[in-house]
Amino acid sequence: MDSDTLLETKSDDELKQKQAYVLSQLPEEVVFCYPPRPISELDAAATKIQKVYKSYLTRRHLAECAILVEQQWWKLLDFAALKRSSISFFDDQKPDTAYVSRWKRVRELFLHGHMTRKGFSSSF
């Protein structure tokens, strides 16, 4: 026997021992339901499940962030509209400033987008 064959045999024996130990820790129902698989295959399957679940959580988190951003935009636009209406209520003779007209355009664009697409949250 050369050294490579001896190493392969030793590692195969170690894998079989590990597999036997893992199977001995499982309930009998589980052991008899599933055919024995190599530990490396079980590890690969567990890793794949973890990656899929992590990507699911990431997508869900991003969708929640989009909803929060939309809510913050509505609050900001409502605040700007309230500020504009309170300014125009007390001083009706002053024309719109660049600041107010910019916010007015933003609100109109946002409302138009909200009416046509029903907001950001519907796309998630």
PDB file of N, CA and C in Angstrom:
ATOM      1  N   MET A   1       0.840  -1.189   0.000  1.00  0.00           N
ATOM      2  CA  MET A   1       0.000   0.000   0.000  1.00  0.00           C
ATOM      3  C   MET A   1       0.878   1.242   0.000  1.00  0.00           C
ATOM      4  N   ASP A   2       0.550   2.187  -0.848  1.00  0.00           N
ATOM      5  CA  ASP A   2       1.302   3.432  -0.809  1.00  0.00           C
ATOM      6  C   ASP A   2       0.641   4.388   0.180  1.00  0.00           C
ATOM      7  N   SER A   3       1.301   5.507   0.420  1.00  0.00           N
ATOM      8  CA  SER A   3       0.840   6.425   1.472  1.00  0.00           C
ATOM      9  C   SER A   3      -0.504   7.084   1.126  1.00  0.00           C
ATOM     10  N   ASP A   4      -0.769   7.349  -0.175  1.00  0.00           N
ATOM     11  CA  ASP A   4      -2.045   7.969  -0.561  1.00  0.00           C
ATOM     12  C   ASP A   4      -3.230   7.052  -0.261  1.00  0.00           C
ATOM     13  N   THR A   5      -3.074   5.788  -0.559  1.00  0.00           N
ATOM     14  CA  THR A   5      -4.156   4.836  -0.293  1.00  0.00           C
ATOM     15  C   THR A   5      -4.393   4.708   1.198  1.00  0.00           C
ATOM     16  N   LEU A   6      -3.313   4.717   1.979  1.00  0.00           N
ATOM     17  CA  LEU A   6      -3.438   4.620   3.430  1.00  0.00           C
ATOM     18  C   LEU A   6      -4.174   5.842   3.989  1.00  0.00           C
ATOM     19  N   LEU A   7      -3.848   7.035   3.459  1.00  0.00           N
ATOM     20  CA  LEU A   7      -4.517   8.255   3.916  1.00  0.00           C
ATOM     21  C   LEU A   7      -6.000   8.244   3.540  1.00  0.00           C
ATOM     22  N   GLU A   8      -6.301   7.786   2.318  1.00  0.00           N
ATOM     23  CA  GLU A   8      -7.701   7.729   1.901  1.00  0.00           C
ATOM     24  C   GLU A   8      -8.491   6.768   2.777  1.00  0.00           C
ATOM     25  N   THR A   9      -7.878   5.644   3.103  1.00  0.00           N
ATOM     26  CA  THR A   9      -8.549   4.661   3.947  1.00  0.00           C
ATOM     27  C   THR A   9      -8.799   5.233   5.327  1.00  0.00           C
ATOM     28  N   LYS A  10      -7.795   5.931   5.846  1.00  0.00           N
ATOM     29  CA  LYS A  10      -7.946   6.514   7.175  1.00  0.00           C
ATOM     30  C   LYS A  10      -9.049   7.576   7.178  1.00  0.00           C
ATOM     31  N   SER A  11      -9.075   8.423   6.151  1.00  0.00           N
ATOM     32  CA  SER A  11     -10.098   9.463   6.116  1.00  0.00           C
ATOM     33  C   SER A  11     -11.483   8.853   5.894  1.00  0.00           C
ATOM     34  N   ASP A  12     -11.578   7.791   5.091  1.00  0.00           N
ATOM     35  CA  ASP A  12     -12.866   7.114   4.912  1.00  0.00           C
ATOM     36  C   ASP A  12     -13.346   6.516   6.221  1.00  0.00           C
ATOM     37  N   ASP A  13     -12.421   5.915   6.965  1.00  0.00           N
ATOM     38  CA  ASP A  13     -12.792   5.350   8.266  1.00  0.00           C
ATOM     39  C   ASP A  13     -13.259   6.448   9.215  1.00  0.00           C
ATOM     40  N   GLU A  14     -12.563   7.571   9.212  1.00  0.00           N
ATOM     41  CA  GLU A  14     -12.956   8.684  10.082  1.00  0.00           C
ATOM     42  C   GLU A  14     -14.338   9.214   9.699  1.00  0.00           C
ATOM     43  N   LEU A  15     -14.592   9.327   8.383  1.00  0.00           N
ATOM     44  CA  LEU A  15     -15.902   9.797   7.929  1.00  0.00           C
ATOM     45  C   LEU A  15     -17.005   8.830   8.347  1.00  0.00           C
ATOM     46  N   LYS A  16     -16.737   7.540   8.224  1.00  0.00           N
ATOM     47  CA  LYS A  16     -17.733   6.546   8.624  1.00  0.00           C
ATOM     48  C   LYS A  16     -17.990   6.610  10.125  1.00  0.00           C
ATOM     49  N   GLN A  17     -16.931   6.848  10.900  1.00  0.00           N
ATOM     50  CA  GLN A  17     -17.104   6.969  12.352  1.00  0.00           C
ATOM     51  C   GLN A  17     -17.936   8.212  12.687  1.00  0.00           C
ATOM     52  N   LYS A  18     -17.628   9.327  12.026  1.00  0.00           N
ATOM     53  CA  LYS A  18     -18.397  10.551  12.266  1.00  0.00           C
ATOM     54  C   LYS A  18     -19.859  10.356  11.874  1.00  0.00           C
ATOM     55  N   GLN A  19     -20.072   9.698  10.727  1.00  0.00           N
ATOM     56  CA  GLN A  19     -21.436   9.465  10.269  1.00  0.00           C
ATOM     57  C   GLN A  19     -22.181   8.562  11.249  1.00  0.00           C
ATOM     58  N   ALA A  20     -21.511   7.536  11.745  1.00  0.00           N
ATOM     59  CA  ALA A  20     -22.145   6.638  12.713  1.00  0.00           C
ATOM     60  C   ALA A  20     -22.489   7.394  13.995  1.00  0.00           C
ATOM     61  N   TYR A  21     -21.589   8.298  14.412  1.00  0.00           N
ATOM     62  CA  TYR A  21     -21.856   9.078  15.622  1.00  0.00           C
ATOM     63  C   TYR A  21     -23.066   9.990  15.422  1.00  0.00           C
ATOM     64  N   VAL A  22     -23.115  10.672  14.275  1.00  0.00           N
ATOM     65  CA  VAL A  22     -24.236  11.571  13.994  1.00  0.00           C
ATOM     66  C   VAL A  22     -25.540  10.787  13.951  1.00  0.00           C
ATOM     67  N   LEU A  23     -25.529   9.643  13.284  1.00  0.00           N
ATOM     68  CA  LEU A  23     -26.742   8.825  13.201  1.00  0.00           C
ATOM     69  C   LEU A  23     -27.164   8.294  14.561  1.00  0.00           C
ATOM     70  N   SER A  24     -26.191   8.027  15.428  1.00  0.00           N
ATOM     71  CA  SER A  24     -26.548   7.515  16.757  1.00  0.00           C
ATOM     72  C   SER A  24     -27.216   8.592  17.608  1.00  0.00           C
ATOM     73  N   GLN A  25     -26.980   9.863  17.286  1.00  0.00           N
ATOM     74  CA  GLN A  25     -27.574  10.954  18.054  1.00  0.00           C
ATOM     75  C   GLN A  25     -29.002  11.283  17.598  1.00  0.00           C
ATOM     76  N   LEU A  26     -29.384  10.828  16.409  1.00  0.00           N
ATOM     77  CA  LEU A  26     -30.710  11.123  15.878  1.00  0.00           C
ATOM     78  C   LEU A  26     -31.742  10.137  16.418  1.00  0.00           C
ATOM     79  N   PRO A  27     -32.999  10.554  16.499  1.00  0.00           N
ATOM     80  CA  PRO A  27     -34.058   9.609  16.883  1.00  0.00           C
ATOM     81  C   PRO A  27     -34.202   8.504  15.833  1.00  0.00           C
ATOM     82  N   GLU A  28     -34.709   7.354  16.230  1.00  0.00           N
ATOM     83  CA  GLU A  28     -34.806   6.214  15.317  1.00  0.00           C
ATOM     84  C   GLU A  28     -35.695   6.514  14.116  1.00  0.00           C
ATOM     85  N   GLU A  29     -36.760   7.291  14.305  1.00  0.00           N
ATOM     86  CA  GLU A  29     -37.655   7.598  13.197  1.00  0.00           C
ATOM     87  C   GLU A  29     -36.914   8.317  12.076  1.00  0.00           C
ATOM     88  N   VAL A  30     -36.036   9.222  12.455  1.00  0.00           N
ATOM     89  CA  VAL A  30     -35.291   9.994  11.462  1.00  0.00           C
ATOM     90  C   VAL A  30     -34.273   9.115  10.763  1.00  0.00           C
ATOM     91  N   VAL A  31     -33.612   8.259  11.495  1.00  0.00           N
ATOM     92  CA  VAL A  31     -32.565   7.412  10.919  1.00  0.00           C
ATOM     93  C   VAL A  31     -33.163   6.468   9.894  1.00  0.00           C
ATOM     94  N   PHE A  32     -34.333   5.928  10.155  1.00  0.00           N
ATOM     95  CA  PHE A  32     -34.912   4.959   9.239  1.00  0.00           C
ATOM     96  C   PHE A  32     -35.679   5.608   8.091  1.00  0.00           C
ATOM     97  N   CYS A  33     -36.022   6.877   8.215  1.00  0.00           N
ATOM     98  CA  CYS A  33     -36.748   7.561   7.147  1.00  0.00           C
ATOM     99  C   CYS A  33     -35.834   7.966   5.998  1.00  0.00           C
ATOM    100  N   TYR A  34     -34.632   8.312   6.298  1.00  0.00           N
ATOM    101  CA  TYR A  34     -33.725   8.839   5.297  1.00  0.00           C
ATOM    102  C   TYR A  34     -32.561   7.883   5.087  1.00  0.00           C
ATOM    103  N   PRO A  35     -32.161   7.711   3.833  1.00  0.00           N
ATOM    104  CA  PRO A  35     -30.984   6.871   3.606  1.00  0.00           C
ATOM    105  C   PRO A  35     -29.746   7.586   4.129  1.00  0.00           C
ATOM    106  N   PRO A  36     -28.777   6.849   4.628  1.00  0.00           N
ATOM    107  CA  PRO A  36     -27.564   7.502   5.139  1.00  0.00           C
ATOM    108  C   PRO A  36     -26.837   8.233   4.015  1.00  0.00           C
ATOM    109  N   ARG A  37     -26.423   9.406   4.321  1.00  0.00           N
ATOM    110  CA  ARG A  37     -25.701  10.237   3.351  1.00  0.00           C
ATOM    111  C   ARG A  37     -24.338  10.587   3.934  1.00  0.00           C
ATOM    112  N   PRO A  38     -23.403  10.892   3.059  1.00  0.00           N
ATOM    113  CA  PRO A  38     -22.099  11.333   3.579  1.00  0.00           C
ATOM    114  C   PRO A  38     -22.242  12.664   4.319  1.00  0.00           C
ATOM    115  N   ILE A  39     -21.399  12.877   5.299  1.00  0.00           N
ATOM    116  CA  ILE A  39     -21.429  14.106   6.094  1.00  0.00           C
ATOM    117  C   ILE A  39     -21.228  15.330   5.204  1.00  0.00           C
ATOM    118  N   SER A  40     -20.335  15.224   4.224  1.00  0.00           N
ATOM    119  CA  SER A  40     -20.072  16.376   3.349  1.00  0.00           C
ATOM    120  C   SER A  40     -21.331  16.776   2.574  1.00  0.00           C
ATOM    121  N   GLU A  41     -22.130  15.791   2.168  1.00  0.00           N
ATOM    122  CA  GLU A  41     -23.363  16.096   1.447  1.00  0.00           C
ATOM    123  C   GLU A  41     -24.379  16.767   2.372  1.00  0.00           C
ATOM    124  N   LEU A  42     -24.451  16.301   3.610  1.00  0.00           N
ATOM    125  CA  LEU A  42     -25.347  16.929   4.580  1.00  0.00           C
ATOM    126  C   LEU A  42     -24.909  18.356   4.886  1.00  0.00           C
ATOM    127  N   ASP A  43     -23.591  18.564   5.006  1.00  0.00           N
ATOM    128  CA  ASP A  43     -23.069  19.917   5.247  1.00  0.00           C
ATOM    129  C   ASP A  43     -23.392  20.842   4.079  1.00  0.00           C
ATOM    130  N   ALA A  44     -23.229  20.332   2.859  1.00  0.00           N
ATOM    131  CA  ALA A  44     -23.519  21.148   1.676  1.00  0.00           C
ATOM    132  C   ALA A  44     -25.005  21.520   1.632  1.00  0.00           C
ATOM    133  N   ALA A  45     -25.864  20.569   1.976  1.00  0.00           N
ATOM    134  CA  ALA A  45     -27.305  20.848   1.987  1.00  0.00           C
ATOM    135  C   ALA A  45     -27.653  21.881   3.056  1.00  0.00           C
ATOM    136  N   ALA A  46     -27.053  21.753   4.231  1.00  0.00           N
ATOM    137  CA  ALA A  46     -27.312  22.718   5.308  1.00  0.00           C
ATOM    138  C   ALA A  46     -26.838  24.111   4.909  1.00  0.00           C
ATOM    139  N   THR A  47     -25.678  24.191   4.273  1.00  0.00           N
ATOM    140  CA  THR A  47     -25.145  25.481   3.830  1.00  0.00           C
ATOM    141  C   THR A  47     -26.075  26.114   2.794  1.00  0.00           C
ATOM    142  N   LYS A  48     -26.569  25.300   1.866  1.00  0.00           N
ATOM    143  CA  LYS A  48     -27.471  25.832   0.837  1.00  0.00           C
ATOM    144  C   LYS A  48     -28.761  26.368   1.468  1.00  0.00           C
ATOM    145  N   ILE A  49     -29.317  25.630   2.414  1.00  0.00           N
ATOM    146  CA  ILE A  49     -30.542  26.085   3.088  1.00  0.00           C
ATOM    147  C   ILE A  49     -30.290  27.400   3.818  1.00  0.00           C
ATOM    148  N   GLN A  50     -29.143  27.504   4.486  1.00  0.00           N
ATOM    149  CA  GLN A  50     -28.823  28.735   5.212  1.00  0.00           C
ATOM    150  C   GLN A  50     -28.683  29.914   4.263  1.00  0.00           C
ATOM    151  N   LYS A  51     -28.055  29.698   3.099  1.00  0.00           N
ATOM    152  CA  LYS A  51     -27.889  30.787   2.130  1.00  0.00           C
ATOM    153  C   LYS A  51     -29.237  31.242   1.566  1.00  0.00           C
ATOM    154  N   VAL A  52     -30.100  30.283   1.258  1.00  0.00           N
ATOM    155  CA  VAL A  52     -31.421  30.631   0.728  1.00  0.00           C
ATOM    156  C   VAL A  52     -32.207  31.423   1.766  1.00  0.00           C
ATOM    157  N   TYR A  53     -32.165  30.977   3.015  1.00  0.00           N
ATOM    158  CA  TYR A  53     -32.901  31.666   4.072  1.00  0.00           C
ATOM    159  C   TYR A  53     -32.335  33.067   4.302  1.00  0.00           C
ATOM    160  N   LYS A  54     -31.009  33.192   4.245  1.00  0.00           N
ATOM    161  CA  LYS A  54     -30.396  34.510   4.440  1.00  0.00           C
ATOM    162  C   LYS A  54     -30.802  35.457   3.307  1.00  0.00           C
ATOM    163  N   SER A  55     -30.838  34.963   2.072  1.00  0.00           N
ATOM    164  CA  SER A  55     -31.246  35.830   0.963  1.00  0.00           C
ATOM    165  C   SER A  55     -32.718  36.229   1.102  1.00  0.00           C
ATOM    166  N   TYR A  56     -33.537  35.318   1.614  1.00  0.00           N
ATOM    167  CA  TYR A  56     -34.948  35.641   1.869  1.00  0.00           C
ATOM    168  C   TYR A  56     -35.053  36.755   2.906  1.00  0.00           C
ATOM    169  N   LEU A  57     -34.287  36.635   3.993  1.00  0.00           N
ATOM    170  CA  LEU A  57     -34.315  37.670   5.024  1.00  0.00           C
ATOM    171  C   LEU A  57     -33.824  39.008   4.481  1.00  0.00           C
ATOM    172  N   THR A  58     -32.797  38.964   3.627  1.00  0.00           N
ATOM    173  CA  THR A  58     -32.262  40.196   3.042  1.00  0.00           C
ATOM    174  C   THR A  58     -33.321  40.876   2.173  1.00  0.00           C
ATOM    175  N   ARG A  59     -34.000  40.095   1.322  1.00  0.00           N
ATOM    176  CA  ARG A  59     -35.053  40.682   0.477  1.00  0.00           C
ATOM    177  C   ARG A  59     -36.171  41.268   1.327  1.00  0.00           C
ATOM    178  N   ARG A  60     -36.535  40.571   2.369  1.00  0.00           N
ATOM    179  CA  ARG A  60     -37.608  41.058   3.237  1.00  0.00           C
ATOM    180  C   ARG A  60     -37.196  42.352   3.944  1.00  0.00           C
ATOM    181  N   HIS A  61     -35.939  42.397   4.393  1.00  0.00           N
ATOM    182  CA  HIS A  61     -35.438  43.601   5.063  1.00  0.00           C
ATOM    183  C   HIS A  61     -35.434  44.788   4.095  1.00  0.00           C
ATOM    184  N   LEU A  62     -35.002  44.554   2.853  1.00  0.00           N
ATOM    185  CA  LEU A  62     -34.991  45.635   1.865  1.00  0.00           C
ATOM    186  C   LEU A  62     -36.410  46.120   1.560  1.00  0.00           C
ATOM    187  N   ALA A  63     -37.362  45.205   1.502  1.00  0.00           N
ATOM    188  CA  ALA A  63     -38.753  45.610   1.264  1.00  0.00           C
ATOM    189  C   ALA A  63     -39.269  46.454   2.424  1.00  0.00           C
ATOM    190  N   GLU A  64     -38.919  46.069   3.648  1.00  0.00           N
ATOM    191  CA  GLU A  64     -39.333  46.857   4.815  1.00  0.00           C
ATOM    192  C   GLU A  64     -38.704  48.241   4.785  1.00  0.00           C
ATOM    193  N   CYS A  65     -37.447  48.315   4.348  1.00  0.00           N
ATOM    194  CA  CYS A  65     -36.782  49.617   4.248  1.00  0.00           C
ATOM    195  C   CYS A  65     -37.494  50.508   3.232  1.00  0.00           C
ATOM    196  N   ALA A  66     -37.921  49.928   2.115  1.00  0.00           N
ATOM    197  CA  ALA A  66     -38.622  50.715   1.101  1.00  0.00           C
ATOM    198  C   ALA A  66     -39.933  51.262   1.655  1.00  0.00           C
ATOM    199  N   ILE A  67     -40.627  50.452   2.436  1.00  0.00           N
ATOM    200  CA  ILE A  67     -41.884  50.909   3.032  1.00  0.00           C
ATOM    201  C   ILE A  67     -41.612  52.038   4.017  1.00  0.00           C
ATOM    202  N   LEU A  68     -40.553  51.897   4.826  1.00  0.00           N
ATOM    203  CA  LEU A  68     -40.212  52.950   5.784  1.00  0.00           C
ATOM    204  C   LEU A  68     -39.831  54.240   5.076  1.00  0.00           C
ATOM    205  N   VAL A  69     -39.094  54.119   3.976  1.00  0.00           N
ATOM    206  CA  VAL A  69     -38.712  55.311   3.209  1.00  0.00           C
ATOM    207  C   VAL A  69     -39.958  55.991   2.653  1.00  0.00           C
ATOM    208  N   GLU A  70     -40.892  55.202   2.149  1.00  0.00           N
ATOM    209  CA  GLU A  70     -42.126  55.789   1.623  1.00  0.00           C
ATOM    210  C   GLU A  70     -42.887  56.522   2.725  1.00  0.00           C
ATOM    211  N   GLN A  71     -42.951  55.936   3.905  1.00  0.00           N
ATOM    212  CA  GLN A  71     -43.645  56.590   5.017  1.00  0.00           C
ATOM    213  C   GLN A  71     -42.956  57.896   5.402  1.00  0.00           C
ATOM    214  N   GLN A  72     -41.628  57.885   5.419  1.00  0.00           N
ATOM    215  CA  GLN A  72     -40.897  59.102   5.749  1.00  0.00           C
ATOM    216  C   GLN A  72     -41.137  60.182   4.699  1.00  0.00           C
ATOM    217  N   TRP A  73     -41.208  59.798   3.408  1.00  0.00           N
ATOM    218  CA  TRP A  73     -41.488  60.762   2.354  1.00  0.00           C
ATOM    219  C   TRP A  73     -42.848  61.407   2.569  1.00  0.00           C
ATOM    220  N   TRP A  74     -43.851  60.603   2.899  1.00  0.00           N
ATOM    221  CA  TRP A  74     -45.177  61.161   3.123  1.00  0.00           C
ATOM    222  C   TRP A  74     -45.169  62.139   4.291  1.00  0.00           C
ATOM    223  N   LYS A  75     -44.470  61.802   5.361  1.00  0.00           N
ATOM    224  CA  LYS A  75     -44.384  62.710   6.511  1.00  0.00           C
ATOM    225  C   LYS A  75     -43.710  64.015   6.112  1.00  0.00           C
ATOM    226  N   LEU A  76     -42.620  63.889   5.349  1.00  0.00           N
ATOM    227  CA  LEU A  76     -41.883  65.072   4.921  1.00  0.00           C
ATOM    228  C   LEU A  76     -42.738  65.952   4.011  1.00  0.00           C
ATOM    229  N   LEU A  77     -43.443  65.333   3.078  1.00  0.00           N
ATOM    230  CA  LEU A  77     -44.292  66.112   2.180  1.00  0.00           C
ATOM    231  C   LEU A  77     -45.459  66.754   2.921  1.00  0.00           C
ATOM    232  N   ASP A  78     -46.026  66.037   3.877  1.00  0.00           N
ATOM    233  CA  ASP A  78     -47.103  66.635   4.683  1.00  0.00           C
ATOM    234  C   ASP A  78     -46.587  67.816   5.494  1.00  0.00           C
ATOM    235  N   PHE A  79     -45.376  67.679   6.045  1.00  0.00           N
ATOM    236  CA  PHE A  79     -44.778  68.772   6.808  1.00  0.00           C
ATOM    237  C   PHE A  79     -44.540  69.984   5.911  1.00  0.00           C
ATOM    238  N   ALA A  80     -44.021  69.724   4.702  1.00  0.00           N
ATOM    239  CA  ALA A  80     -43.766  70.833   3.777  1.00  0.00           C
ATOM    240  C   ALA A  80     -45.069  71.520   3.375  1.00  0.00           C
ATOM    241  N   ALA A  81     -46.114  70.721   3.146  1.00  0.00           N
ATOM    242  CA  ALA A  81     -47.409  71.314   2.784  1.00  0.00           C
ATOM    243  C   ALA A  81     -47.974  72.124   3.946  1.00  0.00           C
ATOM    244  N   LEU A  82     -47.841  71.607   5.153  1.00  0.00           N
ATOM    245  CA  LEU A  82     -48.326  72.332   6.329  1.00  0.00           C
ATOM    246  C   LEU A  82     -47.556  73.638   6.508  1.00  0.00           C
ATOM    247  N   LYS A  83     -46.240  73.558   6.320  1.00  0.00           N
ATOM    248  CA  LYS A  83     -45.425  74.764   6.458  1.00  0.00           C
ATOM    249  C   LYS A  83     -45.815  75.789   5.388  1.00  0.00           C
ATOM    250  N   ARG A  84     -46.029  75.307   4.173  1.00  0.00           N
ATOM    251  CA  ARG A  84     -46.402  76.209   3.087  1.00  0.00           C
ATOM    252  C   ARG A  84     -47.764  76.848   3.359  1.00  0.00           C
ATOM    253  N   SER A  85     -48.721  76.044   3.823  1.00  0.00           N
ATOM    254  CA  SER A  85     -50.058  76.597   4.067  1.00  0.00           C
ATOM    255  C   SER A  85     -50.040  77.574   5.238  1.00  0.00           C
ATOM    256  N   SER A  86     -49.215  77.317   6.236  1.00  0.00           N
ATOM    257  CA  SER A  86     -49.162  78.249   7.365  1.00  0.00           C
ATOM    258  C   SER A  86     -48.463  79.542   6.966  1.00  0.00           C
ATOM    259  N   ILE A  87     -47.471  79.448   6.081  1.00  0.00           N
ATOM    260  CA  ILE A  87     -46.798  80.662   5.599  1.00  0.00           C
ATOM    261  C   ILE A  87     -47.771  81.487   4.762  1.00  0.00           C
ATOM    262  N   SER A  88     -48.493  80.821   3.849  1.00  0.00           N
ATOM    263  CA  SER A  88     -49.400  81.569   2.978  1.00  0.00           C
ATOM    264  C   SER A  88     -50.605  82.104   3.750  1.00  0.00           C
ATOM    265  N   PHE A  89     -50.977  81.470   4.841  1.00  0.00           N
ATOM    266  CA  PHE A  89     -52.101  81.950   5.643  1.00  0.00           C
ATOM    267  C   PHE A  89     -51.767  83.282   6.303  1.00  0.00           C
ATOM    268  N   PHE A  90     -50.541  83.395   6.816  1.00  0.00           N
ATOM    269  CA  PHE A  90     -50.173  84.620   7.519  1.00  0.00           C
ATOM    270  C   PHE A  90     -49.692  85.719   6.589  1.00  0.00           C
ATOM    271  N   ASP A  91     -49.111  85.338   5.467  1.00  0.00           N
ATOM    272  CA  ASP A  91     -48.561  86.341   4.565  1.00  0.00           C
ATOM    273  C   ASP A  91     -48.971  85.976   3.140  1.00  0.00           C
ATOM    274  N   ASP A  92     -50.140  86.402   2.743  1.00  0.00           N
ATOM    275  CA  ASP A  92     -50.696  86.007   1.455  1.00  0.00           C
ATOM    276  C   ASP A  92     -50.113  86.821   0.306  1.00  0.00           C
ATOM    277  N   GLN A  93     -49.541  87.975   0.588  1.00  0.00           N
ATOM    278  CA  GLN A  93     -49.063  88.837  -0.480  1.00  0.00           C
ATOM    279  C   GLN A  93     -47.703  88.404  -1.014  1.00  0.00           C
ATOM    280  N   LYS A  94     -46.951  87.619  -0.238  1.00  0.00           N
ATOM    281  CA  LYS A  94     -45.613  87.226  -0.670  1.00  0.00           C
ATOM    282  C   LYS A  94     -45.710  86.083  -1.690  1.00  0.00           C
ATOM    283  N   PRO A  95     -45.024  86.205  -2.850  1.00  0.00           N
ATOM    284  CA  PRO A  95     -45.061  85.109  -3.832  1.00  0.00           C
ATOM    285  C   PRO A  95     -44.257  83.900  -3.319  1.00  0.00           C
ATOM    286  N   ASP A  96     -44.467  82.762  -3.969  1.00  0.00           N
ATOM    287  CA  ASP A  96     -43.742  81.550  -3.570  1.00  0.00           C
ATOM    288  C   ASP A  96     -42.238  81.742  -3.725  1.00  0.00           C
ATOM    289  N   THR A  97     -41.509  81.295  -2.738  1.00  0.00           N
ATOM    290  CA  THR A  97     -40.055  81.323  -2.838  1.00  0.00           C
ATOM    291  C   THR A  97     -39.603  80.110  -3.638  1.00  0.00           C
ATOM    292  N   ALA A  98     -38.337  80.090  -3.999  1.00  0.00           N
ATOM    293  CA  ALA A  98     -37.795  78.947  -4.739  1.00  0.00           C
ATOM    294  C   ALA A  98     -37.919  77.672  -3.916  1.00  0.00           C
ATOM    295  N   TYR A  99     -37.706  77.799  -2.609  1.00  0.00           N
ATOM    296  CA  TYR A  99     -37.810  76.647  -1.703  1.00  0.00           C
ATOM    297  C   TYR A  99     -39.210  76.042  -1.735  1.00  0.00           C
ATOM    298  N   VAL A 100     -40.214  76.891  -1.623  1.00  0.00           N
ATOM    299  CA  VAL A 100     -41.602  76.424  -1.584  1.00  0.00           C
ATOM    300  C   VAL A 100     -42.008  75.854  -2.939  1.00  0.00           C
ATOM    301  N   SER A 101     -41.612  76.525  -4.016  1.00  0.00           N
ATOM    302  CA  SER A 101     -42.017  76.033  -5.335  1.00  0.00           C
ATOM    303  C   SER A 101     -41.343  74.696  -5.655  1.00  0.00           C
ATOM    304  N   ARG A 102     -40.101  74.512  -5.175  1.00  0.00           N
ATOM    305  CA  ARG A 102     -39.425  73.221  -5.368  1.00  0.00           C
ATOM    306  C   ARG A 102     -40.184  72.103  -4.674  1.00  0.00           C
ATOM    307  N   TRP A 103     -40.583  72.346  -3.423  1.00  0.00           N
ATOM    308  CA  TRP A 103     -41.324  71.328  -2.671  1.00  0.00           C
ATOM    309  C   TRP A 103     -42.697  71.088  -3.297  1.00  0.00           C
ATOM    310  N   LYS A 104     -43.256  72.125  -3.861  1.00  0.00           N
ATOM    311  CA  LYS A 104     -44.549  71.981  -4.518  1.00  0.00           C
ATOM    312  C   LYS A 104     -44.425  71.054  -5.736  1.00  0.00           C
ATOM    313  N   ARG A 105     -43.353  71.259  -6.530  1.00  0.00           N
ATOM    314  CA  ARG A 105     -43.117  70.393  -7.687  1.00  0.00           C
ATOM    315  C   ARG A 105     -42.844  68.957  -7.254  1.00  0.00           C
ATOM    316  N   VAL A 106     -42.050  68.780  -6.195  1.00  0.00           N
ATOM    317  CA  VAL A 106     -41.750  67.432  -5.699  1.00  0.00           C
ATOM    318  C   VAL A 106     -43.026  66.734  -5.268  1.00  0.00           C
ATOM    319  N   ARG A 107     -43.856  67.443  -4.562  1.00  0.00           N
ATOM    320  CA  ARG A 107     -45.119  66.839  -4.102  1.00  0.00           C
ATOM    321  C   ARG A 107     -46.003  66.449  -5.287  1.00  0.00           C
ATOM    322  N   GLU A 108     -46.095  67.318  -6.282  1.00  0.00           N
ATOM    323  CA  GLU A 108     -46.914  67.003  -7.453  1.00  0.00           C
ATOM    324  C   GLU A 108     -46.373  65.781  -8.185  1.00  0.00           C
ATOM    325  N   LEU A 109     -45.053  65.716  -8.360  1.00  0.00           N
ATOM    326  CA  LEU A 109     -44.448  64.554  -9.017  1.00  0.00           C
ATOM    327  C   LEU A 109     -44.680  63.288  -8.208  1.00  0.00           C
ATOM    328  N   PHE A 110     -44.514  63.389  -6.907  1.00  0.00           N
ATOM    329  CA  PHE A 110     -44.683  62.224  -6.043  1.00  0.00           C
ATOM    330  C   PHE A 110     -46.132  61.756  -6.039  1.00  0.00           C
ATOM    331  N   LEU A 111     -47.064  62.708  -5.965  1.00  0.00           N
ATOM    332  CA  LEU A 111     -48.478  62.333  -5.982  1.00  0.00           C
ATOM    333  C   LEU A 111     -48.865  61.707  -7.312  1.00  0.00           C
ATOM    334  N   HIS A 112     -48.326  62.246  -8.404  1.00  0.00           N
ATOM    335  CA  HIS A 112     -48.608  61.669  -9.715  1.00  0.00           C
ATOM    336  C   HIS A 112     -48.073  60.238  -9.779  1.00  0.00           C
ATOM    337  N   GLY A 113     -46.859  60.018  -9.294  1.00  0.00           N
ATOM    338  CA  GLY A 113     -46.286  58.668  -9.261  1.00  0.00           C
ATOM    339  C   GLY A 113     -47.058  57.757  -8.341  1.00  0.00           C
ATOM    340  N   HIS A 114     -47.527  58.303  -7.230  1.00  0.00           N
ATOM    341  CA  HIS A 114     -48.278  57.497  -6.264  1.00  0.00           C
ATOM    342  C   HIS A 114     -49.620  57.076  -6.855  1.00  0.00           C
ATOM    343  N   MET A 115     -50.244  57.957  -7.600  1.00  0.00           N
ATOM    344  CA  MET A 115     -51.540  57.620  -8.190  1.00  0.00           C
ATOM    345  C   MET A 115     -51.385  56.596  -9.311  1.00  0.00           C
ATOM    346  N   THR A 116     -50.327  56.722 -10.108  1.00  0.00           N
ATOM    347  CA  THR A 116     -50.171  55.809 -11.242  1.00  0.00           C
ATOM    348  C   THR A 116     -49.613  54.461 -10.821  1.00  0.00           C
ATOM    349  N   ARG A 117     -48.715  54.421  -9.842  1.00  0.00           N
ATOM    350  CA  ARG A 117     -48.084  53.162  -9.432  1.00  0.00           C
ATOM    351  C   ARG A 117     -48.534  52.675  -8.072  1.00  0.00           C
ATOM    352  N   LYS A 118     -49.365  53.417  -7.407  1.00  0.00           N
ATOM    353  CA  LYS A 118     -49.868  53.085  -6.069  1.00  0.00           C
ATOM    354  C   LYS A 118     -48.747  52.933  -5.050  1.00  0.00           C
ATOM    355  N   GLY A 119     -47.721  53.751  -5.162  1.00  0.00           N
ATOM    356  CA  GLY A 119     -46.683  53.795  -4.132  1.00  0.00           C
ATOM    357  C   GLY A 119     -45.568  52.801  -4.353  1.00  0.00           C
ATOM    358  N   PHE A 120     -44.557  52.932  -3.523  1.00  0.00           N
ATOM    359  CA  PHE A 120     -43.385  52.071  -3.617  1.00  0.00           C
ATOM    360  C   PHE A 120     -43.668  50.668  -3.104  1.00  0.00           C
ATOM    361  N   SER A 121     -44.448  50.559  -2.044  1.00  0.00           N
ATOM    362  CA  SER A 121     -44.598  49.284  -1.358  1.00  0.00           C
ATOM    363  C   SER A 121     -45.301  48.238  -2.211  1.00  0.00           C
ATOM    364  N   SER A 122     -46.066  48.637  -3.210  1.00  0.00           N
ATOM    365  CA  SER A 122     -46.766  47.648  -4.028  1.00  0.00           C
ATOM    366  C   SER A 122     -45.815  46.904  -4.953  1.00  0.00           C
ATOM    367  N   SER A 123     -44.637  47.443  -5.217  1.00  0.00           N
ATOM    368  CA  SER A 123     -43.700  46.777  -6.112  1.00  0.00           C
ATOM    369  C   SER A 123     -42.904  45.695  -5.410  1.00  0.00           C
ATOM    370  N   PHE A 124     -43.089  45.535  -4.101  1.00  0.00           N
ATOM    371  CA  PHE A 124     -42.335  44.504  -3.383  1.00  0.00           C
ATOM    372  C   PHE A 124     -43.240  43.374  -2.990  1.00  0.00           C
TER     373      PHE A 124
END
